[in-house]
Amino acid sequence: MQEPTKKPHPAGVAAGINSHSNYSTHDALNEVTSRLKGVINRHNGGMLAFCPSHDDRKGRSLAIGTGRQGQILLKCFAGCSIHEITAAIDLNPADLFSRESRYELQSRSYFNEWQILAALQHDALVVLLAARAMLTGRALPESDVTFLSQAVLRINEAASYSRRFQ
């Protein structure tokens, strides 16, 4: 007799772990790891487990961690999607987020002047080497031409960036 297969619950239904009123990141992490096999702690604070969505016999390919906003992070190094992983443990991706976690707009950090100059210094050196190669009559490979095109764009962007502060 064949066992019925479990189907993932749609987001927001009462069967999901996210439906509990006092749901926290710690509770979610415990719930997710309790549904996985072979969970071990890593030295960086994360965990590894056997991926439930493919035949993971040779080694643990599923990394588990916690994100900045308290969400549960799952990464299968064999390439399984988050939907495949959560469905295999009878959850849905919404269950990986606590009710309290909200996306908050982060202030954008800009590059310092020395960082821009260091990048431009590297690009200028590449342009110089390419110019010397062309002076000797050597044709540049397509990858070098592509890199030079990108360097020109970066130099122009840096120039327009610096004009904003004048």
Protein backbone atom coordinates (compact mmCIF):
# COMPACT_ATOMS: atom_id res chain seq x y z
CA MET A 1 0.00 0.00 0.00
CA GLN A 2 1.38 3.38 -0.97
CA GLU A 3 1.49 6.21 1.57
CA PRO A 4 -0.20 9.44 0.53
CA THR A 5 2.26 12.20 -0.26
CA LYS A 6 2.13 15.37 1.78
CA LYS A 7 1.26 18.52 -0.10
CA PRO A 8 2.62 21.92 0.90
CA HIS A 9 0.16 24.25 2.56
CA PRO A 10 -0.56 27.53 0.81
CA ALA A 11 0.87 30.59 2.51
CA GLY A 12 -1.19 31.86 5.41
CA VAL A 13 -3.18 28.73 6.25
CA ALA A 14 -3.47 27.54 9.82
CA ALA A 15 -1.32 24.46 9.23
CA GLY A 16 1.82 26.56 8.67
CA ILE A 17 4.23 27.32 11.51
CA ASN A 18 3.80 31.03 10.88
CA SER A 19 0.18 30.89 12.05
CA HIS A 20 1.16 30.66 15.73
CA SER A 21 0.60 33.95 17.56
CA ASN A 22 3.88 34.04 19.50
CA TYR A 23 6.03 32.78 16.65
CA SER A 24 9.67 33.88 16.83
CA THR A 25 12.86 33.32 14.84
CA HIS A 26 14.09 30.79 17.40
CA ASP A 27 10.80 28.86 17.18
CA ALA A 28 10.93 28.87 13.38
CA LEU A 29 14.54 27.69 13.34
CA ASN A 30 13.70 24.86 15.75
CA GLU A 31 10.66 23.91 13.68
CA VAL A 32 12.64 23.83 10.42
CA THR A 33 15.60 21.90 11.86
CA SER A 34 13.28 19.39 13.57
CA ARG A 35 11.96 18.48 10.10
CA LEU A 36 15.45 17.89 8.65
CA LYS A 37 17.80 14.90 8.94
CA GLY A 38 21.45 14.96 9.98
CA VAL A 39 21.54 18.54 11.28
CA ILE A 40 24.98 19.54 12.58
CA ASN A 41 26.27 22.89 13.87
CA ARG A 42 28.98 24.69 11.93
CA HIS A 43 31.76 26.79 13.43
CA ASN A 44 30.27 29.99 11.95
CA GLY A 45 26.98 29.61 13.83
CA GLY A 46 25.07 28.13 10.91
CA MET A 47 24.04 24.53 10.40
CA LEU A 48 24.25 21.83 7.74
CA ALA A 49 21.74 19.08 7.02
CA PHE A 50 20.81 16.54 4.40
CA CYS A 51 18.62 18.24 1.81
CA PRO A 52 15.11 16.77 1.97
CA SER A 53 14.26 17.52 -1.65
CA HIS A 54 16.88 15.31 -3.32
CA ASP A 55 18.78 12.10 -2.54
CA ASP A 56 21.51 13.60 -0.38
CA ARG A 57 23.60 10.51 0.42
CA LYS A 58 27.18 11.67 -0.06
CA GLY A 59 27.13 14.66 2.21
CA ARG A 60 25.10 17.42 3.75
CA SER A 61 24.30 19.95 1.05
CA LEU A 62 21.72 22.10 2.85
CA ALA A 63 22.99 25.13 4.76
CA ILE A 64 20.68 26.67 7.37
CA GLY A 65 21.11 30.09 8.94
CA THR A 66 19.35 33.19 10.17
CA GLY A 67 19.17 36.42 8.16
CA ARG A 68 19.45 40.03 9.37
CA GLN A 69 15.70 40.45 9.73
CA GLY A 70 15.31 37.13 11.55
CA GLN A 71 14.28 35.09 8.52
CA ILE A 72 15.43 31.48 8.15
CA LEU A 73 17.90 31.06 5.29
CA LEU A 74 18.11 27.75 3.40
CA LYS A 75 20.68 27.11 0.66
CA CYS A 76 21.04 23.78 -1.12
CA PHE A 77 24.46 23.55 -2.74
CA ALA A 78 23.13 20.88 -5.11
CA GLY A 79 20.76 23.48 -6.59
CA CYS A 80 17.34 22.71 -5.07
CA SER A 81 15.03 25.73 -4.94
CA ILE A 82 13.56 27.15 -1.74
CA HIS A 83 10.13 25.97 -2.93
CA GLU A 84 11.35 22.39 -3.37
CA ILE A 85 13.04 22.37 0.04
CA THR A 86 10.11 23.81 1.98
CA ALA A 87 7.59 21.56 0.17
CA ALA A 88 9.67 18.50 1.07
CA ILE A 89 9.36 19.35 4.78
CA ASP A 90 5.68 20.29 4.53
CA LEU A 91 6.20 24.05 4.84
CA ASN A 92 6.03 26.98 2.48
CA PRO A 93 8.53 29.82 2.03
CA ALA A 94 6.38 32.24 4.06
CA ASP A 95 6.99 30.04 7.09
CA LEU A 96 10.66 31.06 7.02
CA PHE A 97 9.79 34.62 8.08
CA SER A 98 8.68 35.64 11.55
CA ARG A 99 5.57 37.78 11.87
CA GLU A 100 7.66 40.51 13.48
CA SER A 101 10.23 40.64 10.70
CA ARG A 102 9.51 43.43 8.26
CA TYR A 103 11.61 44.83 5.53
CA GLU A 104 12.99 48.17 6.53
CA LEU A 105 14.54 50.42 3.98
CA GLN A 106 18.28 50.51 4.59
CA SER A 107 20.21 53.69 4.06
CA ARG A 108 22.48 53.35 1.07
CA SER A 109 26.15 53.47 1.80
CA TYR A 110 28.24 55.19 -0.81
CA PHE A 111 31.87 54.60 -1.63
CA ASN A 112 34.50 56.76 -0.01
CA GLU A 113 36.71 58.85 -2.25
CA TRP A 114 39.72 56.60 -1.60
CA GLN A 115 37.71 53.53 -2.66
CA ILE A 116 36.73 55.23 -5.91
CA LEU A 117 40.30 56.32 -6.55
CA ALA A 118 41.64 52.81 -5.87
CA ALA A 119 39.20 51.34 -8.40
CA LEU A 120 40.08 54.03 -10.93
CA GLN A 121 43.78 53.43 -10.35
CA HIS A 122 43.29 49.77 -11.25
CA ASP A 123 41.25 50.64 -14.34
CA ALA A 124 43.84 53.20 -15.45
CA LEU A 125 46.59 50.59 -15.14
CA VAL A 126 44.58 48.15 -17.29
CA VAL A 127 43.99 50.85 -19.90
CA LEU A 128 47.74 51.62 -19.96
CA LEU A 129 48.65 47.94 -20.40
CA ALA A 130 46.11 47.57 -23.19
CA ALA A 131 47.43 50.68 -24.94
CA ARG A 132 51.00 49.35 -24.78
CA ALA A 133 49.88 46.00 -26.18
CA MET A 134 48.09 47.72 -29.05
CA LEU A 135 51.17 49.89 -29.78
CA THR A 136 53.19 46.71 -30.32
CA GLY A 137 50.62 45.58 -32.88
CA ARG A 138 48.98 42.88 -30.76
CA ALA A 139 45.23 42.50 -31.07
CA LEU A 140 43.38 42.40 -27.77
CA PRO A 141 41.24 39.39 -26.94
CA GLU A 142 37.49 40.03 -26.78
CA SER A 143 37.49 39.60 -22.99
CA ASP A 144 40.02 42.44 -22.67
CA VAL A 145 37.98 44.68 -24.98
CA THR A 146 34.91 43.97 -22.84
CA PHE A 147 36.83 44.78 -19.66
CA LEU A 148 38.12 48.03 -21.18
CA SER A 149 34.57 49.01 -22.15
CA GLN A 150 33.45 48.41 -18.58
CA ALA A 151 36.44 50.37 -17.27
CA VAL A 152 35.45 53.34 -19.43
CA LEU A 153 31.91 53.17 -18.01
CA ARG A 154 33.26 53.04 -14.44
CA ILE A 155 35.56 56.00 -15.08
CA ASN A 156 32.64 58.02 -16.53
CA GLU A 157 30.41 57.09 -13.58
CA ALA A 158 33.12 58.14 -11.13
CA ALA A 159 33.53 61.47 -12.94
CA SER A 160 29.79 62.16 -12.82
CA TYR A 161 29.69 61.07 -9.17
CA SER A 162 32.45 63.52 -8.27
CA ARG A 163 30.67 66.37 -10.10
CA ARG A 164 27.70 66.03 -7.71
CA PHE A 165 29.88 67.15 -4.81
CA GLN A 166 31.43 70.22 -6.42
